[in-house]
Protein backbone atom coordinates (compact mmCIF):
# COMPACT_ATOMS: atom_id res chain seq x y z
CA MET A 1 -24.03 21.98 -7.14
CA SER A 2 -24.50 19.65 -10.30
CA ASP A 3 -23.85 15.91 -9.52
CA PRO A 4 -20.35 15.25 -10.71
CA PHE A 5 -20.84 11.88 -11.98
CA LEU A 6 -23.42 12.92 -14.55
CA ILE A 7 -21.62 13.05 -17.78
CA GLN A 8 -22.44 14.01 -21.18
CA GLY A 9 -21.60 12.21 -23.75
CA PRO A 10 -19.72 12.52 -26.55
CA ALA A 11 -17.32 10.76 -23.50
CA LEU A 12 -14.11 8.00 -22.80
CA VAL A 13 -14.60 7.21 -19.20
CA SER A 14 -10.92 5.82 -18.75
CA PHE A 15 -10.49 2.80 -16.85
CA SER A 16 -6.90 1.85 -15.97
CA GLY A 17 -8.43 -1.43 -13.62
CA GLY A 18 -7.95 0.22 -10.60
CA ARG A 19 -9.51 0.57 -7.42
CA SER A 20 -9.93 4.18 -8.23
CA SER A 21 -10.95 4.29 -11.65
CA ALA A 22 -13.73 0.85 -10.54
CA TYR A 23 -15.01 2.80 -8.27
CA MET A 24 -15.28 5.56 -10.43
CA LEU A 25 -17.30 3.94 -13.00
CA TRP A 26 -19.33 2.51 -10.14
CA ARG A 27 -20.53 6.23 -9.45
CA LEU A 28 -20.93 7.10 -13.13
CA LEU A 29 -23.98 4.03 -13.41
CA GLN A 30 -25.76 5.09 -10.17
CA ALA A 31 -25.33 8.67 -10.90
CA HIS A 32 -27.01 7.39 -14.59
CA GLY A 33 -29.72 5.17 -13.04
CA GLY A 34 -27.31 2.04 -13.14
CA MET A 35 -27.44 2.72 -17.77
CA LEU A 36 -24.18 4.85 -19.27
CA PRO A 37 -25.69 7.14 -22.39
CA ASP A 38 -25.26 5.35 -25.62
CA ASP A 39 -22.58 8.11 -25.93
CA VAL A 40 -20.37 7.73 -22.74
CA VAL A 41 -17.91 4.76 -23.56
CA VAL A 42 -15.98 2.34 -21.24
CA ALA A 43 -12.49 1.44 -21.84
CA PHE A 44 -9.08 -0.02 -21.12
CA ALA A 45 -6.07 -0.22 -22.93
CA ASN A 46 -3.77 -3.07 -22.08
CA THR A 47 -0.29 -3.99 -21.97
CA GLY A 48 0.33 -7.26 -21.75
CA ARG A 49 2.12 -6.47 -18.52
CA GLU A 50 -0.66 -5.74 -16.38
CA ARG A 51 -1.50 -8.41 -13.71
CA GLU A 52 -4.00 -11.26 -14.19
CA GLU A 53 -5.27 -9.80 -11.09
CA THR A 54 -6.00 -6.12 -12.95
CA LEU A 55 -7.79 -8.37 -16.16
CA ARG A 56 -9.63 -10.76 -14.13
CA PHE A 57 -10.74 -7.39 -11.97
CA VAL A 58 -11.53 -5.27 -15.32
CA TYR A 59 -14.08 -8.23 -16.85
CA GLU A 60 -15.81 -7.94 -13.62
CA CYS A 61 -16.60 -4.85 -13.48
CA GLY A 62 -17.89 -5.18 -17.05
CA ALA A 63 -19.71 -8.23 -15.81
CA ARG A 64 -20.80 -7.38 -12.26
CA TRP A 65 -22.53 -3.86 -12.86
CA GLY A 66 -24.15 -4.84 -16.99
CA VAL A 67 -21.76 -2.30 -18.42
CA LYS A 68 -19.42 -2.48 -21.63
CA ILE A 69 -16.48 -1.96 -21.19
CA ALA A 70 -13.70 -2.10 -24.87
CA TRP A 71 -10.93 -4.34 -24.53
CA LEU A 72 -8.11 -2.02 -26.48
CA GLU A 73 -3.93 -2.90 -27.66
CA PHE A 74 -1.79 -1.06 -29.18
CA VAL A 75 -0.70 -2.02 -32.64
CA THR A 76 1.42 0.81 -34.20
CA ASP A 77 1.60 3.98 -34.40
CA LEU A 78 1.89 4.48 -37.93
CA LYS A 79 -0.57 7.51 -39.43
CA SER A 80 -0.88 6.06 -42.73
CA VAL A 81 -2.98 2.80 -41.32
CA GLY A 82 -5.78 4.68 -39.51
CA PRO A 83 -7.36 4.56 -36.42
CA ALA A 84 -8.45 1.06 -36.79
CA GLY A 85 -5.20 0.20 -38.13
CA ARG A 86 -3.65 1.09 -35.58
CA ILE A 87 -5.59 -0.52 -32.02
CA ALA A 88 -6.61 -3.96 -31.72
CA VAL A 89 -10.38 -4.99 -29.68
CA VAL A 90 -10.07 -7.91 -27.95
CA GLY A 91 -10.78 -9.35 -24.84
CA PHE A 92 -10.74 -11.36 -21.29
CA ASN A 93 -9.44 -14.25 -22.95
CA SER A 94 -7.99 -12.68 -26.27
CA ALA A 95 -6.03 -9.33 -23.85
CA SER A 96 -1.68 -9.83 -24.36
CA ARG A 97 -0.07 -11.11 -21.07
CA ASN A 98 3.01 -11.11 -21.77
CA GLY A 99 4.11 -7.07 -22.99
CA GLU A 100 3.11 -8.30 -26.77
CA PRO A 101 1.59 -4.07 -27.74
CA LEU A 102 5.12 -2.96 -25.77
CA ASP A 103 7.38 -5.56 -27.57
CA ARG A 104 5.44 -3.79 -30.54
CA LEU A 105 5.63 -0.36 -29.12
CA ILE A 106 9.34 -1.58 -28.55
CA GLU A 107 10.29 -2.06 -32.17
CA ARG A 108 8.83 0.90 -33.74
CA LYS A 109 10.79 3.02 -31.26
CA GLN A 110 13.75 1.42 -31.02
CA ALA A 111 14.32 2.13 -27.67
CA LEU A 112 13.07 1.34 -24.28
CA PHE A 113 10.81 3.68 -22.77
CA SER A 114 12.87 4.84 -19.29
CA THR A 115 13.81 7.32 -16.51
CA VAL A 116 16.33 8.23 -19.44
CA SER A 117 14.07 8.57 -22.49
CA GLY A 118 10.54 9.71 -21.06
CA ARG A 119 6.98 7.33 -20.26
CA TRP A 120 6.15 7.24 -23.69
CA CYS A 121 4.37 3.75 -22.69
CA THR A 122 1.57 5.14 -20.92
CA GLU A 123 1.31 8.15 -24.14
CA ARG A 124 1.24 5.69 -26.64
CA ALA A 125 0.32 2.18 -25.18
CA LYS A 126 -2.66 3.92 -23.93
CA VAL A 127 -3.78 7.48 -24.07
CA GLN A 128 -2.95 7.54 -27.68
CA THR A 129 -4.63 3.90 -27.97
CA LEU A 130 -8.11 5.12 -26.62
CA VAL A 131 -7.96 8.75 -28.46
CA ASP A 132 -8.04 5.96 -32.12
CA TYR A 133 -10.90 4.00 -30.54
CA MET A 134 -12.48 7.18 -30.03
CA GLU A 135 -11.85 8.30 -33.69
CA THR A 136 -13.15 4.97 -35.15
CA LEU A 137 -16.18 5.46 -33.77
CA GLY A 138 -16.65 9.12 -35.29
CA HIS A 139 -15.24 11.20 -32.52
CA ALA A 140 -11.98 13.12 -33.19
CA PRO A 141 -9.48 14.12 -30.49
CA GLY A 142 -11.04 17.36 -28.64
CA GLY A 143 -14.23 16.41 -29.49
CA PHE A 144 -15.40 14.13 -26.55
CA VAL A 145 -14.29 14.13 -23.09
CA GLU A 146 -12.03 12.49 -21.56
CA VAL A 147 -13.43 11.18 -18.00
CA ILE A 148 -10.25 10.24 -15.87
CA GLY A 149 -10.27 8.81 -12.36
CA PHE A 150 -8.27 11.08 -10.36
CA ARG A 151 -9.14 11.57 -7.10
CA SER A 152 -8.99 14.88 -4.64
CA ASP A 153 -5.68 14.04 -3.16
CA GLU A 154 -4.04 14.17 -6.00
CA TYR A 155 -5.02 17.11 -7.03
CA ASP A 156 -1.98 18.63 -8.22
CA ARG A 157 -2.45 16.51 -11.09
CA VAL A 158 -6.03 17.86 -12.02
CA VAL A 159 -4.64 20.87 -12.39
CA GLU A 160 -1.74 19.72 -13.86
CA LEU A 161 -3.01 17.62 -16.06
CA PRO A 162 -5.33 19.93 -18.96
CA LEU A 163 -2.40 23.07 -18.57
CA LYS A 164 -0.05 21.24 -20.19
CA PRO A 165 0.52 22.37 -23.59
CA ARG A 166 0.24 19.42 -25.90
CA ASN A 167 -3.17 19.16 -24.65
CA VAL A 168 -5.22 22.76 -24.79
CA ALA A 169 -7.47 20.59 -27.00
CA ARG A 170 -8.01 18.20 -24.59
CA ARG A 171 -11.61 18.38 -22.91
CA PHE A 172 -11.08 16.42 -18.99
CA ALA A 173 -13.77 15.54 -16.18
CA PHE A 174 -11.99 14.78 -13.24
CA PRO A 175 -15.82 13.36 -10.97
CA LEU A 176 -13.66 11.90 -8.34
CA ALA A 177 -12.07 15.08 -7.33
CA ARG A 178 -14.89 17.17 -7.94
CA ALA A 179 -16.80 15.04 -5.14
CA GLY A 180 -14.05 14.97 -2.78
CA VAL A 181 -13.37 11.33 -2.69
CA ARG A 182 -9.92 10.92 -1.09
CA ARG A 183 -8.29 7.48 -1.33
CA VAL A 184 -10.44 6.41 1.95
CA ASP A 185 -13.01 6.82 0.12
CA VAL A 186 -12.36 4.70 -2.38
CA GLU A 187 -10.25 1.91 0.23
CA ALA A 188 -14.06 1.98 2.40
CA PHE A 189 -15.99 0.54 -0.55
CA TRP A 190 -14.16 -1.99 -1.33
CA TRP A 191 -12.85 -3.34 1.77
CA GLY A 192 -14.97 -1.62 4.31
CA PRO A 193 -14.79 1.66 6.15
CA GLY A 194 -11.69 1.32 8.84
CA ARG A 195 -10.22 -1.97 7.13
CA THR A 196 -7.68 -3.33 5.13
CA PHE A 197 -6.94 -5.65 2.51
CA GLU A 198 -5.76 -8.54 4.36
CA THR A 199 -9.25 -7.72 7.09
CA SER A 200 -11.62 -7.37 4.26
CA VAL A 201 -14.58 -8.95 4.04
CA ALA A 202 -15.41 -8.25 0.46
CA PRO A 203 -18.22 -5.69 0.87
CA GLN A 204 -18.94 -5.59 -2.83
CA GLY A 205 -18.56 -9.23 -3.32
CA PHE A 206 -15.33 -9.06 -5.77
CA ASP A 207 -11.86 -6.70 -5.19
CA LEU A 208 -9.34 -6.04 -7.73
CA GLY A 209 -7.20 -8.37 -5.67
CA LEU A 210 -3.55 -6.76 -5.00
CA LYS A 211 -2.00 -5.49 -1.25
CA LYS A 212 -0.98 -1.78 -0.81
CA GLY A 213 2.30 -1.48 -2.78
CA THR A 214 1.64 -3.72 -5.65
CA GLY A 215 -0.15 -2.08 -8.97
CA ASN A 216 -1.34 -2.51 -12.24
CA CYS A 217 2.15 -3.10 -14.26
CA ASP A 218 3.68 -5.86 -13.11
CA HIS A 219 7.27 -3.58 -12.84
CA CYS A 220 6.50 -0.43 -13.47
CA PRO A 221 10.55 0.93 -14.20
CA PHE A 222 9.81 4.99 -13.01
CA LEU A 223 8.73 4.21 -8.98
CA SER A 224 10.87 3.86 -6.44
CA ASP A 225 13.97 1.75 -5.98
CA LYS A 226 12.67 0.42 -2.91
CA THR A 227 9.53 -0.05 -4.55
CA ARG A 228 10.83 -1.84 -7.63
CA ILE A 229 13.34 -4.07 -5.40
CA ALA A 230 10.07 -5.17 -2.80
CA ARG A 231 7.89 -6.11 -6.07
CA ALA A 232 10.35 -8.49 -7.88
CA ARG A 233 11.36 -10.61 -4.38
CA LEU A 234 7.63 -11.03 -4.78
CA PHE A 235 7.23 -11.31 -8.91
CA PRO A 236 10.35 -13.06 -9.96
CA GLU A 237 9.16 -15.01 -12.27
CA THR A 238 7.18 -11.73 -14.44
CA LEU A 239 11.12 -10.62 -14.47
CA PRO A 240 12.43 -12.31 -17.74
CA TRP A 241 10.44 -9.88 -19.80
CA TRP A 242 11.78 -6.70 -18.92
CA LYS A 243 15.25 -8.21 -18.19
CA ALA A 244 15.62 -9.78 -21.93
CA HIS A 245 14.43 -6.24 -23.45
CA GLU A 246 17.21 -4.20 -21.25
CA ALA A 247 20.02 -6.98 -22.79
CA ALA A 248 18.64 -7.00 -26.05
CA ARG A 249 20.14 -2.94 -25.92
CA ASP A 250 22.36 -3.42 -23.65
CA PHE A 251 20.03 0.03 -22.08
CA SER A 252 17.57 0.11 -18.47
CA PHE A 253 14.81 1.14 -18.11
CA GLY A 254 14.76 2.45 -14.69
CA ARG A 255 17.77 3.88 -12.86
CA LEU A 256 19.34 0.44 -11.77
CA SER A 257 18.47 -2.30 -14.25
CA PHE A 258 16.19 -5.85 -13.95
CA ALA A 259 20.11 -7.15 -13.48
CA GLU A 260 21.03 -4.97 -11.02
CA ILE A 261 17.61 -5.29 -8.92
CA GLU A 262 18.36 -9.15 -8.93
CA ALA A 263 21.97 -8.84 -8.10
CA HIS A 264 20.51 -6.91 -5.25
CA ILE A 265 17.96 -9.46 -3.63
CA ALA A 266 20.59 -11.92 -3.90
CA ALA A 267 23.02 -10.37 -1.61
CA ASN A 268 20.40 -9.19 0.58
CA PRO A 269 17.91 -12.37 1.42
CA LEU A 270 15.72 -10.28 3.60
CA LEU A 271 11.95 -10.25 2.07
CA ILE A 272 10.85 -6.33 2.44
CA PRO A 273 7.00 -6.82 3.70
CA LEU A 274 4.59 -4.29 1.46
CA GLU A 275 4.01 -2.47 4.77
CA GLU A 276 7.08 -0.31 4.38
CA LEU A 277 6.94 0.24 0.36
CA ASP A 278 6.77 4.15 0.45
CA ASP A 279 3.18 4.96 1.46
CA ASP A 280 2.61 7.77 -1.54
CA GLU A 281 3.36 5.46 -4.08
CA PRO A 282 0.62 4.20 -6.32
CA ASP A 283 -1.30 1.55 -4.49
CA SER A 284 -3.24 0.49 -8.17
CA ASP A 285 -3.64 2.62 -10.20
CA CYS A 286 -1.08 3.09 -13.49
CA VAL A 287 -3.36 6.51 -14.42
CA GLY A 288 -2.34 7.80 -11.60
CA HIS A 289 1.03 8.06 -11.75
CA CYS A 290 2.28 7.74 -14.96
CA GLU A 291 3.25 11.08 -16.50
CA PRO A 292 3.65 13.16 -18.81
CA GLU A 293 0.06 11.50 -19.71
CA ALA A 294 -2.65 10.21 -17.95
CA ALA A 295 -4.73 7.35 -19.54
């Protein structure tokens, strides 16, 4: 069987900033002798609600492994301005850190992405931003392979994504799934075989720095109530952005509003340990969770 990590361009490596997609990038680099072909592009779409640990991790992967990672942000979805006008190319220092790309998206839609209106935060701020960037490089939609870090234990996503009607013209590659890579393999790469985040000796010399149960997006509203409440307990300083948008539109992102989550925490001060979070929640990869698209 051919090496699934040998990718023929033009191709886009969708780097979410999580451990799985980073491990995929490392395997791609190894398969190509340490340097990707010129027409294999690595890109990270920043929404401004990624945690600082994620931004540092993306930067470190690029710097330590000597690979160029394009940092991108949503500006608008106006067709009239063309793909270059719909996105901004940023970097670690200039990347938004208070949800500015999502502010612009919410203003354009005059609505909140939510469990009711849909997960168009991923569709617009990540997927379309990456597609627009590829178009600025001369690659039309459907004219390049999208390399996505779904593992073999996420095989339902591997099967379902290409079958969606909107994706019939897209070309996907899932090298982790083809190689039989599971979550335990990714964790062993970053933490050492049989070890955990807490006991890791960081065999790679660096790590994402987020415990299992937390995620790249600080307060993704599409997770379970239990996980959302636990994250709010741990990171209350990151709630004001979410609460302000809910208050401005008198609408909530999730089944529970963030005001309701805060009220629950105030009435129930016992901290839920991260170890008690739902094990099937995505630990760090927004891309591996979000539907209807995968960035």
